[in-house]
């Protein structure tokens, strides 16, 4: 309960009329009496505020340490993660002919150069369907139609996104209707794009080469010409299978349940007549077991099924579950050519995948993929070499990349050191105590802000917990790593003066020389893994911790220290990291269960209880003054009576 809540409670529950008889300013007198009583409450509220500020300050350190840990010791942050060989075994790899082959290093790479000749690229098996699987636009002239009465009626035609409306004339015969429509379409879109034929009561529109999608989208002549609104010469994958079946030259059937079922590479699929073709294709393409992608080429009006895996071998197999359905044949896809593929269509049919063939340093390598690793180098083949040409792959250690990673760590570590040094050395000014509600009411917001900034200064001065963290990290970087013959200072990383208060500086030339001349020793110094206790655990014994500390690289030591202080994982005794147990962390259960959170709640209870006593005390004062008022009223009555009697005897 705060002071404002306390006053509100009094005002809302009590209505007092005092001072009427005595003439005393009773409210003022009681408030002055209570101001002394409230000093003890104000003291508690100040103490509580100091604890809250201290908790906030601790949490700032928790957040800073968490950010540092996540940047360098979180394995999901691959670009900045430092606890793996890949952070220190970085190679620059270049190709003399990127258009033929590129490469990149791995942690098992070795410096050197390699001659590469690409003999053949790996390809994926592919089943290419026949062209022109969709029905052309056709109509059947309305029985009894009078061609001479078509004048003024219209057709709205869309050709590859361009829509024109043509107006028909009078026609004496089917031949005239054919010629008239042909002339109108030629005028609208240009010649040799659409071919019209009218014969025996039927009308048909065929597109010429170079033209893709044609659609009769509307018009008043649709009914008389027997055309369907939206009729097109290409299927639309957004349509349902039931609609698609009627748009293909070779229709497929549905089973008795209205479904189509088929198998691709051993994986069976079933789809309803109400599913769209796009859903069918998306489901197949996203299926991990089918291992193919199926696509529709609108220009050539054909389907293609491609294996996701490249290389030789039978990587595509498909069939209808029900032989009477003929789903794949309707799409123009066949498992074998068997005379069903047009010999003039060179693309259609089954095309088996091929392996990649490459010579690396005169050794022939055959792989099923164009990307593969040989002797620690990952190659990616792009094109076949011709005329005996080749490419040279050069591999060298990327000293700059490793140096920049170490420098980034040192820079961020120094920011932490600055933060610790600042907070631990700040002087506490006792002249600036937390403000009470009454004091805040007499100040502006800006004044309150400036006051509280000064009041918070020095709140963690010489704090033992923070000093422990800082000391642990500083010592961890100095202590010898067992079995490693170098130290940070020997590779150019050290504190140059006691005035730096633990901050590190880097001798760039010395560090780069160490990375160049003894890279494995530098790596061991920083990220060596303990043979005896290789894994960090919250429940390691004291002896296990000592052994792990001696054998671990410096960065592992820092990571362990951070885990000890800010881990959100409980140990066997139910405790989280030391800082979290002390001050908690927002968003974690420790936010409410830390020792400081419990201390704050304890202050709340004490303050609440004290305010109750203040209310009781204030009530007792008013009761006493009320009694006084009663006595004063009685005395006034008596005096008035006596005075009136004296007046009678005059």
Foldseek 3Di string as FASTA:
>chain_A
DAPVVLVVVPVVPDDDDFCPQVVDPLVVVLVVVLVVLCPVLVVLVLVLVLLVLVLVLLQVLLVLLVVLCCQAPNVVNVLQHQQDLQLQFAKDKAKPCVLFKGWGFGSLADFDKKWKAWADAWFWKKFWFAFQFFDFFKFFADPPDQQQPQAQWWWWKAWPRDIDIFGFHRDHDQVRVQVRVQVRVCVVPNPQAWHWHGDPRMITIDGHAPTFKMFRQDIPCCVRRGGDHGDMSADDQQAFLLVVQVGTPHHFDAPPVQWWWKDKQRDIDIDHSRDGNVVVQVVLVPDPRNQWHKDADRNRGAIMITGNFTAFDPRIDMDTPDPRGCPCVSRRTDPAPVVSYDPVPVPHGIDGIHWIWMAMNNDIDTGRHQWDDDSRMTMHGNDGDPDPDIMMMGMDGPLVSSLVSVVVSLVSVLVSLVSLVQQQAWDADPVQTQDGPVRVVVDDPVVNVVSVVNNSTNSCHNPPVSVVLLVQLLVLQADAAPPQDDHCVQQAWDDPDVVSVRRIDGPVVSNSVCSRPPSVSVSQQANNAQPVCRDDDQPDDPVRVVSRSNNGHSNVSNSNSSQQANALDAHPVGDGHVSLLANNHPPHPSNCRHPSNVVSVVSVVVSVVSSVVSSVVSVVSSVVSVVVSVVSVVVVVVVVVVVVVVVVVD
